[in-house]
Amino acid sequence: MDGNRRWAARESVPENAGHRAGKSAAMDVIDAARSIGVRWLTLYAFSSENWHRPPDEVRFLMRLVQHTVRRHSLALHAKGIRCRFLGAEDSRIPDALRRDIANLENLTRDNRGMTLTAAFGHGGRADLVRATQSLIRAGIPADAVTEKLLAAHLPLPDTPDVDLVIRTSGEQRISNFMLWQVAYAEWIYPPELWPDFGTDPFLRCLDEFSRRQRRFGARPQTDPHIPTGAHRA
């Protein structure tokens, strides 16, 4: 969700106003995704590298997330959304916020609608390190390690591979986002800054995604030499 600070500069308002506008855009996208039947949505809210931002900005972002969690918990639950956080075990996250996050996860854990994951304090490399450490602690021999087994030791291992990554504001970097799960994701780079990215731009991205042919390294599905069932949806 890129472009909050640039949006604030463009609008000649404080940076914090850009982050608040970004929060509103996030709620719009959550509602749009749920309304059209998206089953899994992950928002990259705060990366492990974002801890290097100015302390005042980091403190504001922590307060903003806490306010968002407290204000919207009951509404998210009422909509049947299961909420989870990826990376929120970081000890630098304030204790009160971590308690609120745990409360939201516990409140919504049995919901069977859309799964909403906030990547918060997340880093894809750190996830791979944790998975490797988990395999070692489990005493699994090196020769027994498979892709399926490693994926099972990642944080939130039931999360499916990512189908589509939308990166706003024209940025075109992976930025350490779910490195294992995005191996065959499609990428779209809309020009809108995140606070300007609401329902309509989101739906346009999904429309573009629906027109793409996903081959996963194989030949196109129209190739008569490819047997039925050789491609994933």
C-alpha atoms as a PDB file:
ATOM      1  CA  MET A   1       0.000   0.000   0.000  1.00  0.00           C
ATOM      2  CA  ASP A   2       2.384   2.648  -1.291  1.00  0.00           C
ATOM      3  CA  GLY A   3       2.067   6.394  -1.592  1.00  0.00           C
ATOM      4  CA  ASN A   4       0.651   7.757   1.663  1.00  0.00           C
ATOM      5  CA  ARG A   5       3.466  10.240   2.205  1.00  0.00           C
ATOM      6  CA  ARG A   6       3.574  11.314  -1.440  1.00  0.00           C
ATOM      7  CA  TRP A   7      -0.190  11.829  -1.339  1.00  0.00           C
ATOM      8  CA  ALA A   8       0.233  14.053   1.732  1.00  0.00           C
ATOM      9  CA  ALA A   9       2.939  16.071  -0.006  1.00  0.00           C
ATOM     10  CA  ARG A  10       0.752  16.474  -3.089  1.00  0.00           C
ATOM     11  CA  GLU A  11      -2.175  17.631  -0.966  1.00  0.00           C
ATOM     12  CA  SER A  12       0.040  19.906   1.183  1.00  0.00           C
ATOM     13  CA  VAL A  13      -1.040  18.197   4.388  1.00  0.00           C
ATOM     14  CA  PRO A  14       1.015  16.525   7.151  1.00  0.00           C
ATOM     15  CA  GLU A  15       2.331  13.029   6.488  1.00  0.00           C
ATOM     16  CA  ASN A  16       0.098  11.629   9.206  1.00  0.00           C
ATOM     17  CA  ALA A  17      -2.934  12.794   7.223  1.00  0.00           C
ATOM     18  CA  GLY A  18      -1.698  10.654   4.357  1.00  0.00           C
ATOM     19  CA  HIS A  19      -1.562   7.601   6.603  1.00  0.00           C
ATOM     20  CA  ARG A  20      -5.102   8.304   7.844  1.00  0.00           C
ATOM     21  CA  ALA A  21      -6.321   8.576   4.261  1.00  0.00           C
ATOM     22  CA  GLY A  22      -4.533   5.319   3.524  1.00  0.00           C
ATOM     23  CA  LYS A  23      -6.442   3.628   6.339  1.00  0.00           C
ATOM     24  CA  SER A  24      -9.726   4.692   4.761  1.00  0.00           C
ATOM     25  CA  ALA A  25      -8.629   3.291   1.403  1.00  0.00           C
ATOM     26  CA  ALA A  26      -7.768  -0.007   3.089  1.00  0.00           C
ATOM     27  CA  MET A  27     -11.265  -0.317   4.558  1.00  0.00           C
ATOM     28  CA  ASP A  28     -12.787   0.380   1.133  1.00  0.00           C
ATOM     29  CA  VAL A  29     -10.678  -2.348  -0.477  1.00  0.00           C
ATOM     30  CA  ILE A  30     -11.550  -4.833   2.280  1.00  0.00           C
ATOM     31  CA  ASP A  31     -15.269  -4.254   1.719  1.00  0.00           C
ATOM     32  CA  ALA A  32     -14.902  -4.453  -2.071  1.00  0.00           C
ATOM     33  CA  ALA A  33     -12.934  -7.688  -1.873  1.00  0.00           C
ATOM     34  CA  ARG A  34     -15.463  -9.287   0.442  1.00  0.00           C
ATOM     35  CA  SER A  35     -18.434  -8.165  -1.659  1.00  0.00           C
ATOM     36  CA  ILE A  36     -17.163  -9.887  -4.815  1.00  0.00           C
ATOM     37  CA  GLY A  37     -16.109 -13.102  -3.108  1.00  0.00           C
ATOM     38  CA  VAL A  38     -12.345 -12.759  -2.656  1.00  0.00           C
ATOM     39  CA  ARG A  39     -11.428 -15.453  -0.137  1.00  0.00           C
ATOM     40  CA  TRP A  40      -7.922 -14.317   0.865  1.00  0.00           C
ATOM     41  CA  LEU A  41      -6.695 -10.732   1.094  1.00  0.00           C
ATOM     42  CA  THR A  42      -3.354  -9.625   2.505  1.00  0.00           C
ATOM     43  CA  LEU A  43      -2.509  -5.966   3.095  1.00  0.00           C
ATOM     44  CA  TYR A  44       1.177  -5.085   3.469  1.00  0.00           C
ATOM     45  CA  ALA A  45       0.727  -2.586   6.275  1.00  0.00           C
ATOM     46  CA  PHE A  46       4.206  -2.352   7.803  1.00  0.00           C
ATOM     47  CA  SER A  47       7.371  -4.107   6.705  1.00  0.00           C
ATOM     48  CA  SER A  48      10.327  -5.216   8.802  1.00  0.00           C
ATOM     49  CA  GLU A  49      12.302  -2.484   7.036  1.00  0.00           C
ATOM     50  CA  ASN A  50       9.779   0.183   8.037  1.00  0.00           C
ATOM     51  CA  TRP A  51      11.221   0.112  11.559  1.00  0.00           C
ATOM     52  CA  HIS A  52      13.997   2.300  10.137  1.00  0.00           C
ATOM     53  CA  ARG A  53      11.588   5.176   9.558  1.00  0.00           C
ATOM     54  CA  PRO A  54      11.672   8.203  11.893  1.00  0.00           C
ATOM     55  CA  PRO A  55      10.570   7.247  15.437  1.00  0.00           C
ATOM     56  CA  ASP A  56       7.712   9.763  15.461  1.00  0.00           C
ATOM     57  CA  GLU A  57       6.266   8.271  12.282  1.00  0.00           C
ATOM     58  CA  VAL A  58       6.588   4.725  13.617  1.00  0.00           C
ATOM     59  CA  ARG A  59       4.832   5.691  16.857  1.00  0.00           C
ATOM     60  CA  PHE A  60       2.018   7.314  14.898  1.00  0.00           C
ATOM     61  CA  LEU A  61       1.598   4.219  12.725  1.00  0.00           C
ATOM     62  CA  MET A  62       1.405   2.018  15.825  1.00  0.00           C
ATOM     63  CA  ARG A  63      -1.315   4.257  17.272  1.00  0.00           C
ATOM     64  CA  LEU A  64      -3.183   4.322  13.950  1.00  0.00           C
ATOM     65  CA  VAL A  65      -3.199   0.541  13.695  1.00  0.00           C
ATOM     66  CA  GLN A  66      -4.348   0.229  17.307  1.00  0.00           C
ATOM     67  CA  HIS A  67      -7.164   2.698  16.712  1.00  0.00           C
ATOM     68  CA  THR A  68      -8.176   0.821  13.558  1.00  0.00           C
ATOM     69  CA  VAL A  69      -8.207  -2.542  15.318  1.00  0.00           C
ATOM     70  CA  ARG A  70     -10.280  -1.243  18.218  1.00  0.00           C
ATOM     71  CA  ARG A  71     -12.731   0.668  16.041  1.00  0.00           C
ATOM     72  CA  HIS A  72     -13.373  -1.985  13.403  1.00  0.00           C
ATOM     73  CA  SER A  73     -13.040  -5.292  15.281  1.00  0.00           C
ATOM     74  CA  LEU A  74     -16.750  -5.828  15.850  1.00  0.00           C
ATOM     75  CA  ALA A  75     -17.670  -4.786  12.308  1.00  0.00           C
ATOM     76  CA  LEU A  76     -15.117  -7.147  10.775  1.00  0.00           C
ATOM     77  CA  HIS A  77     -16.408  -9.942  12.965  1.00  0.00           C
ATOM     78  CA  ALA A  78     -20.015  -9.216  12.013  1.00  0.00           C
ATOM     79  CA  LYS A  79     -19.059  -9.506   8.337  1.00  0.00           C
ATOM     80  CA  GLY A  80     -17.633 -12.989   8.917  1.00  0.00           C
ATOM     81  CA  ILE A  81     -14.037 -11.945   8.214  1.00  0.00           C
ATOM     82  CA  ARG A  82     -11.237 -13.905   9.843  1.00  0.00           C
ATOM     83  CA  CYS A  83      -8.425 -11.493  10.775  1.00  0.00           C
ATOM     84  CA  ARG A  84      -4.795 -12.483  11.155  1.00  0.00           C
ATOM     85  CA  PHE A  85      -1.463 -10.672  11.465  1.00  0.00           C
ATOM     86  CA  LEU A  86       1.774 -11.781   9.838  1.00  0.00           C
ATOM     87  CA  GLY A  87       4.851 -10.543  11.701  1.00  0.00           C
ATOM     88  CA  ALA A  88       3.089  -9.108  14.741  1.00  0.00           C
ATOM     89  CA  GLU A  89       5.186 -11.157  17.162  1.00  0.00           C
ATOM     90  CA  ASP A  90       7.944  -8.526  16.820  1.00  0.00           C
ATOM     91  CA  SER A  91       8.876  -7.358  20.326  1.00  0.00           C
ATOM     92  CA  ARG A  92       9.088  -3.743  19.145  1.00  0.00           C
ATOM     93  CA  ILE A  93       5.318  -3.612  18.700  1.00  0.00           C
ATOM     94  CA  PRO A  94       3.811  -2.009  21.824  1.00  0.00           C
ATOM     95  CA  ASP A  95       2.352  -4.483  24.302  1.00  0.00           C
ATOM     96  CA  ALA A  96      -1.087  -2.860  24.263  1.00  0.00           C
ATOM     97  CA  LEU A  97      -1.268  -3.156  20.484  1.00  0.00           C
ATOM     98  CA  ARG A  98      -0.165  -6.779  20.569  1.00  0.00           C
ATOM     99  CA  ARG A  99      -2.945  -7.492  23.074  1.00  0.00           C
ATOM    100  CA  ASP A 100      -5.497  -5.803  20.814  1.00  0.00           C
ATOM    101  CA  ILE A 101      -4.230  -7.806  17.851  1.00  0.00           C
ATOM    102  CA  ALA A 102      -4.523 -11.044  19.825  1.00  0.00           C
ATOM    103  CA  ASN A 103      -8.054 -10.104  20.870  1.00  0.00           C
ATOM    104  CA  LEU A 104      -9.074  -9.454  17.264  1.00  0.00           C
ATOM    105  CA  GLU A 105      -7.570 -12.734  16.091  1.00  0.00           C
ATOM    106  CA  ASN A 106      -9.324 -14.661  18.863  1.00  0.00           C
ATOM    107  CA  LEU A 107     -12.634 -12.906  18.203  1.00  0.00           C
ATOM    108  CA  THR A 108     -12.635 -13.755  14.494  1.00  0.00           C
ATOM    109  CA  ARG A 109     -10.750 -17.065  14.454  1.00  0.00           C
ATOM    110  CA  ASP A 110     -13.827 -19.192  13.684  1.00  0.00           C
ATOM    111  CA  ASN A 111     -15.173 -16.972  10.907  1.00  0.00           C
ATOM    112  CA  ARG A 112     -15.414 -18.672   7.534  1.00  0.00           C
ATOM    113  CA  GLY A 113     -15.786 -15.719   5.221  1.00  0.00           C
ATOM    114  CA  MET A 114     -12.803 -13.891   3.758  1.00  0.00           C
ATOM    115  CA  THR A 115      -9.458 -14.262   5.523  1.00  0.00           C
ATOM    116  CA  LEU A 116      -7.875 -10.839   5.981  1.00  0.00           C
ATOM    117  CA  THR A 117      -4.173 -10.869   6.813  1.00  0.00           C
ATOM    118  CA  ALA A 118      -2.303  -7.743   7.831  1.00  0.00           C
ATOM    119  CA  ALA A 119       1.406  -8.122   7.083  1.00  0.00           C
ATOM    120  CA  PHE A 120       2.601  -6.039  10.013  1.00  0.00           C
ATOM    121  CA  GLY A 121       6.274  -6.094  10.920  1.00  0.00           C
ATOM    122  CA  HIS A 122       6.561  -8.682   8.170  1.00  0.00           C
ATOM    123  CA  GLY A 123       9.639  -9.675   6.172  1.00  0.00           C
ATOM    124  CA  GLY A 124       9.736 -12.517   3.676  1.00  0.00           C
ATOM    125  CA  ARG A 125      13.362 -13.379   4.405  1.00  0.00           C
ATOM    126  CA  ALA A 126      12.649 -13.591   8.131  1.00  0.00           C
ATOM    127  CA  ASP A 127       9.781 -15.972   7.407  1.00  0.00           C
ATOM    128  CA  LEU A 128      12.131 -18.283   5.508  1.00  0.00           C
ATOM    129  CA  VAL A 129      14.638 -18.155   8.362  1.00  0.00           C
ATOM    130  CA  ARG A 130      11.914 -19.091  10.851  1.00  0.00           C
ATOM    131  CA  ALA A 131      10.799 -21.973   8.668  1.00  0.00           C
ATOM    132  CA  THR A 132      14.362 -23.249   8.438  1.00  0.00           C
ATOM    133  CA  GLN A 133      14.834 -22.980  12.197  1.00  0.00           C
ATOM    134  CA  SER A 134      11.574 -24.853  12.737  1.00  0.00           C
ATOM    135  CA  LEU A 135      12.723 -27.677  10.465  1.00  0.00           C
ATOM    136  CA  ILE A 136      16.022 -27.947  12.337  1.00  0.00           C
ATOM    137  CA  ARG A 137      14.311 -27.956  15.730  1.00  0.00           C
ATOM    138  CA  ALA A 138      12.008 -30.710  14.493  1.00  0.00           C
ATOM    139  CA  GLY A 139      15.056 -32.817  13.679  1.00  0.00           C
ATOM    140  CA  ILE A 140      14.111 -33.266  10.034  1.00  0.00           C
ATOM    141  CA  PRO A 141      17.065 -34.590   7.958  1.00  0.00           C
ATOM    142  CA  ALA A 142      18.221 -32.344   5.143  1.00  0.00           C
ATOM    143  CA  ASP A 143      17.433 -34.958   2.510  1.00  0.00           C
ATOM    144  CA  ALA A 144      13.842 -35.156   3.768  1.00  0.00           C
ATOM    145  CA  VAL A 145      13.123 -31.446   3.288  1.00  0.00           C
ATOM    146  CA  THR A 146      10.732 -30.773   0.415  1.00  0.00           C
ATOM    147  CA  GLU A 147       8.988 -27.642  -0.812  1.00  0.00           C
ATOM    148  CA  LYS A 148       5.745 -28.859   0.732  1.00  0.00           C
ATOM    149  CA  LEU A 149       7.415 -29.511   4.071  1.00  0.00           C
ATOM    150  CA  LEU A 150       9.187 -26.156   4.169  1.00  0.00           C
ATOM    151  CA  ALA A 151       5.922 -24.373   3.333  1.00  0.00           C
ATOM    152  CA  ALA A 152       4.264 -26.166   6.238  1.00  0.00           C
ATOM    153  CA  HIS A 153       6.792 -24.567   8.625  1.00  0.00           C
ATOM    154  CA  LEU A 154       6.212 -21.003   7.419  1.00  0.00           C
ATOM    155  CA  PRO A 155       4.182 -18.619   9.592  1.00  0.00           C
ATOM    156  CA  LEU A 156       0.451 -19.016   8.872  1.00  0.00           C
ATOM    157  CA  PRO A 157       1.133 -22.152   6.812  1.00  0.00           C
ATOM    158  CA  ASP A 158      -2.457 -22.559   5.609  1.00  0.00           C
ATOM    159  CA  THR A 159      -2.107 -19.372   3.547  1.00  0.00           C
ATOM    160  CA  PRO A 160      -2.295 -20.323  -0.154  1.00  0.00           C
ATOM    161  CA  ASP A 161       0.167 -19.144  -2.762  1.00  0.00           C
ATOM    162  CA  VAL A 162      -0.460 -15.566  -3.810  1.00  0.00           C
ATOM    163  CA  ASP A 163      -2.373 -15.193  -7.083  1.00  0.00           C
ATOM    164  CA  LEU A 164      -2.116 -11.439  -7.545  1.00  0.00           C
ATOM    165  CA  VAL A 165       0.036  -8.695  -6.070  1.00  0.00           C
ATOM    166  CA  ILE A 166      -1.184  -5.123  -6.529  1.00  0.00           C
ATOM    167  CA  ARG A 167       1.455  -2.511  -5.770  1.00  0.00           C
ATOM    168  CA  THR A 168       0.155   1.036  -5.919  1.00  0.00           C
ATOM    169  CA  SER A 169       1.838   4.318  -6.853  1.00  0.00           C
ATOM    170  CA  GLY A 170       3.837   2.739  -9.676  1.00  0.00           C
ATOM    171  CA  GLU A 171       6.451   1.142  -7.408  1.00  0.00           C
ATOM    172  CA  GLN A 172       7.800  -2.068  -8.954  1.00  0.00           C
ATOM    173  CA  ARG A 173       9.762  -3.844  -6.211  1.00  0.00           C
ATOM    174  CA  ILE A 174       8.998  -7.009  -4.258  1.00  0.00           C
ATOM    175  CA  SER A 175      10.136  -5.320  -1.026  1.00  0.00           C
ATOM    176  CA  ASN A 176      10.546  -8.560   0.901  1.00  0.00           C
ATOM    177  CA  PHE A 177       6.836  -9.419   0.671  1.00  0.00           C
ATOM    178  CA  MET A 178       5.890 -13.089   1.198  1.00  0.00           C
ATOM    179  CA  LEU A 179       8.859 -14.248  -0.870  1.00  0.00           C
ATOM    180  CA  TRP A 180       7.891 -17.917  -0.836  1.00  0.00           C
ATOM    181  CA  GLN A 181       4.214 -17.423  -1.660  1.00  0.00           C
ATOM    182  CA  VAL A 182       4.642 -14.959  -4.572  1.00  0.00           C
ATOM    183  CA  ALA A 183       6.748 -17.316  -6.700  1.00  0.00           C
ATOM    184  CA  TYR A 184       4.100 -17.469  -9.444  1.00  0.00           C
ATOM    185  CA  ALA A 185       1.983 -14.445  -8.601  1.00  0.00           C
ATOM    186  CA  GLU A 186       0.802 -12.017 -11.228  1.00  0.00           C
ATOM    187  CA  TRP A 187       1.810  -8.399 -10.605  1.00  0.00           C
ATOM    188  CA  ILE A 188      -0.071  -5.203 -11.382  1.00  0.00           C
ATOM    189  CA  TYR A 189       1.329  -1.720 -10.791  1.00  0.00           C
ATOM    190  CA  PRO A 190      -1.493   0.848 -10.817  1.00  0.00           C
ATOM    191  CA  PRO A 191      -0.339   4.481 -10.843  1.00  0.00           C
ATOM    192  CA  GLU A 192      -2.696   5.655  -8.079  1.00  0.00           C
ATOM    193  CA  LEU A 193      -1.213   6.590  -4.736  1.00  0.00           C
ATOM    194  CA  TRP A 194      -2.685   4.338  -2.063  1.00  0.00           C
ATOM    195  CA  PRO A 195      -5.090   6.934  -0.543  1.00  0.00           C
ATOM    196  CA  ASP A 196      -6.579   7.339  -4.041  1.00  0.00           C
ATOM    197  CA  PHE A 197      -6.863   3.582  -4.512  1.00  0.00           C
ATOM    198  CA  GLY A 198     -10.392   2.562  -3.623  1.00  0.00           C
ATOM    199  CA  THR A 199     -13.057   0.246  -4.954  1.00  0.00           C
ATOM    200  CA  ASP A 200     -12.963   1.185  -8.647  1.00  0.00           C
ATOM    201  CA  PRO A 201      -9.166   0.914  -9.145  1.00  0.00           C
ATOM    202  CA  PHE A 202      -9.203  -2.343  -7.173  1.00  0.00           C
ATOM    203  CA  LEU A 203     -11.895  -3.842  -9.397  1.00  0.00           C
ATOM    204  CA  ARG A 204     -10.017  -2.711 -12.501  1.00  0.00           C
ATOM    205  CA  CYS A 205      -6.970  -4.626 -11.280  1.00  0.00           C
ATOM    206  CA  LEU A 206      -9.040  -7.750 -10.735  1.00  0.00           C
ATOM    207  CA  ASP A 207     -10.510  -7.377 -14.225  1.00  0.00           C
ATOM    208  CA  GLU A 208      -7.025  -7.179 -15.705  1.00  0.00           C
ATOM    209  CA  PHE A 209      -5.971 -10.232 -13.701  1.00  0.00           C
ATOM    210  CA  SER A 210      -8.963 -12.209 -14.979  1.00  0.00           C
ATOM    211  CA  ARG A 211      -7.797 -11.676 -18.563  1.00  0.00           C
ATOM    212  CA  ARG A 212      -4.284 -12.995 -17.977  1.00  0.00           C
ATOM    213  CA  GLN A 213      -3.327 -16.521 -18.952  1.00  0.00           C
ATOM    214  CA  ARG A 214      -1.397 -18.173 -16.117  1.00  0.00           C
ATOM    215  CA  ARG A 215       0.936 -20.896 -17.373  1.00  0.00           C
ATOM    216  CA  PHE A 216       3.118 -21.645 -14.331  1.00  0.00           C
ATOM    217  CA  GLY A 217       6.049 -22.374 -16.627  1.00  0.00           C
ATOM    218  CA  ALA A 218       4.095 -24.692 -18.945  1.00  0.00           C
ATOM    219  CA  ARG A 219       2.728 -24.111 -22.430  1.00  0.00           C
ATOM    220  CA  PRO A 220      -0.460 -22.108 -22.971  1.00  0.00           C
ATOM    221  CA  GLN A 221      -3.645 -24.004 -22.173  1.00  0.00           C
ATOM    222  CA  THR A 222      -4.698 -23.751 -25.802  1.00  0.00           C
ATOM    223  CA  ASP A 223      -1.778 -26.000 -26.817  1.00  0.00           C
ATOM    224  CA  PRO A 224      -3.363 -29.305 -27.967  1.00  0.00           C
ATOM    225  CA  HIS A 225      -0.362 -31.243 -26.638  1.00  0.00           C
ATOM    226  CA  ILE A 226      -1.090 -30.252 -23.043  1.00  0.00           C
ATOM    227  CA  PRO A 227      -3.418 -32.787 -21.415  1.00  0.00           C
ATOM    228  CA  THR A 228      -6.504 -31.702 -19.490  1.00  0.00           C
ATOM    229  CA  GLY A 229      -5.677 -30.943 -15.871  1.00  0.00           C
ATOM    230  CA  ALA A 230      -2.071 -29.953 -16.521  1.00  0.00           C
ATOM    231  CA  HIS A 231      -2.625 -26.399 -15.306  1.00  0.00           C
ATOM    232  CA  ARG A 232      -3.704 -24.947 -12.043  1.00  0.00           C
ATOM    233  CA  ALA A 233      -6.541 -22.452 -11.993  1.00  0.00           C
END
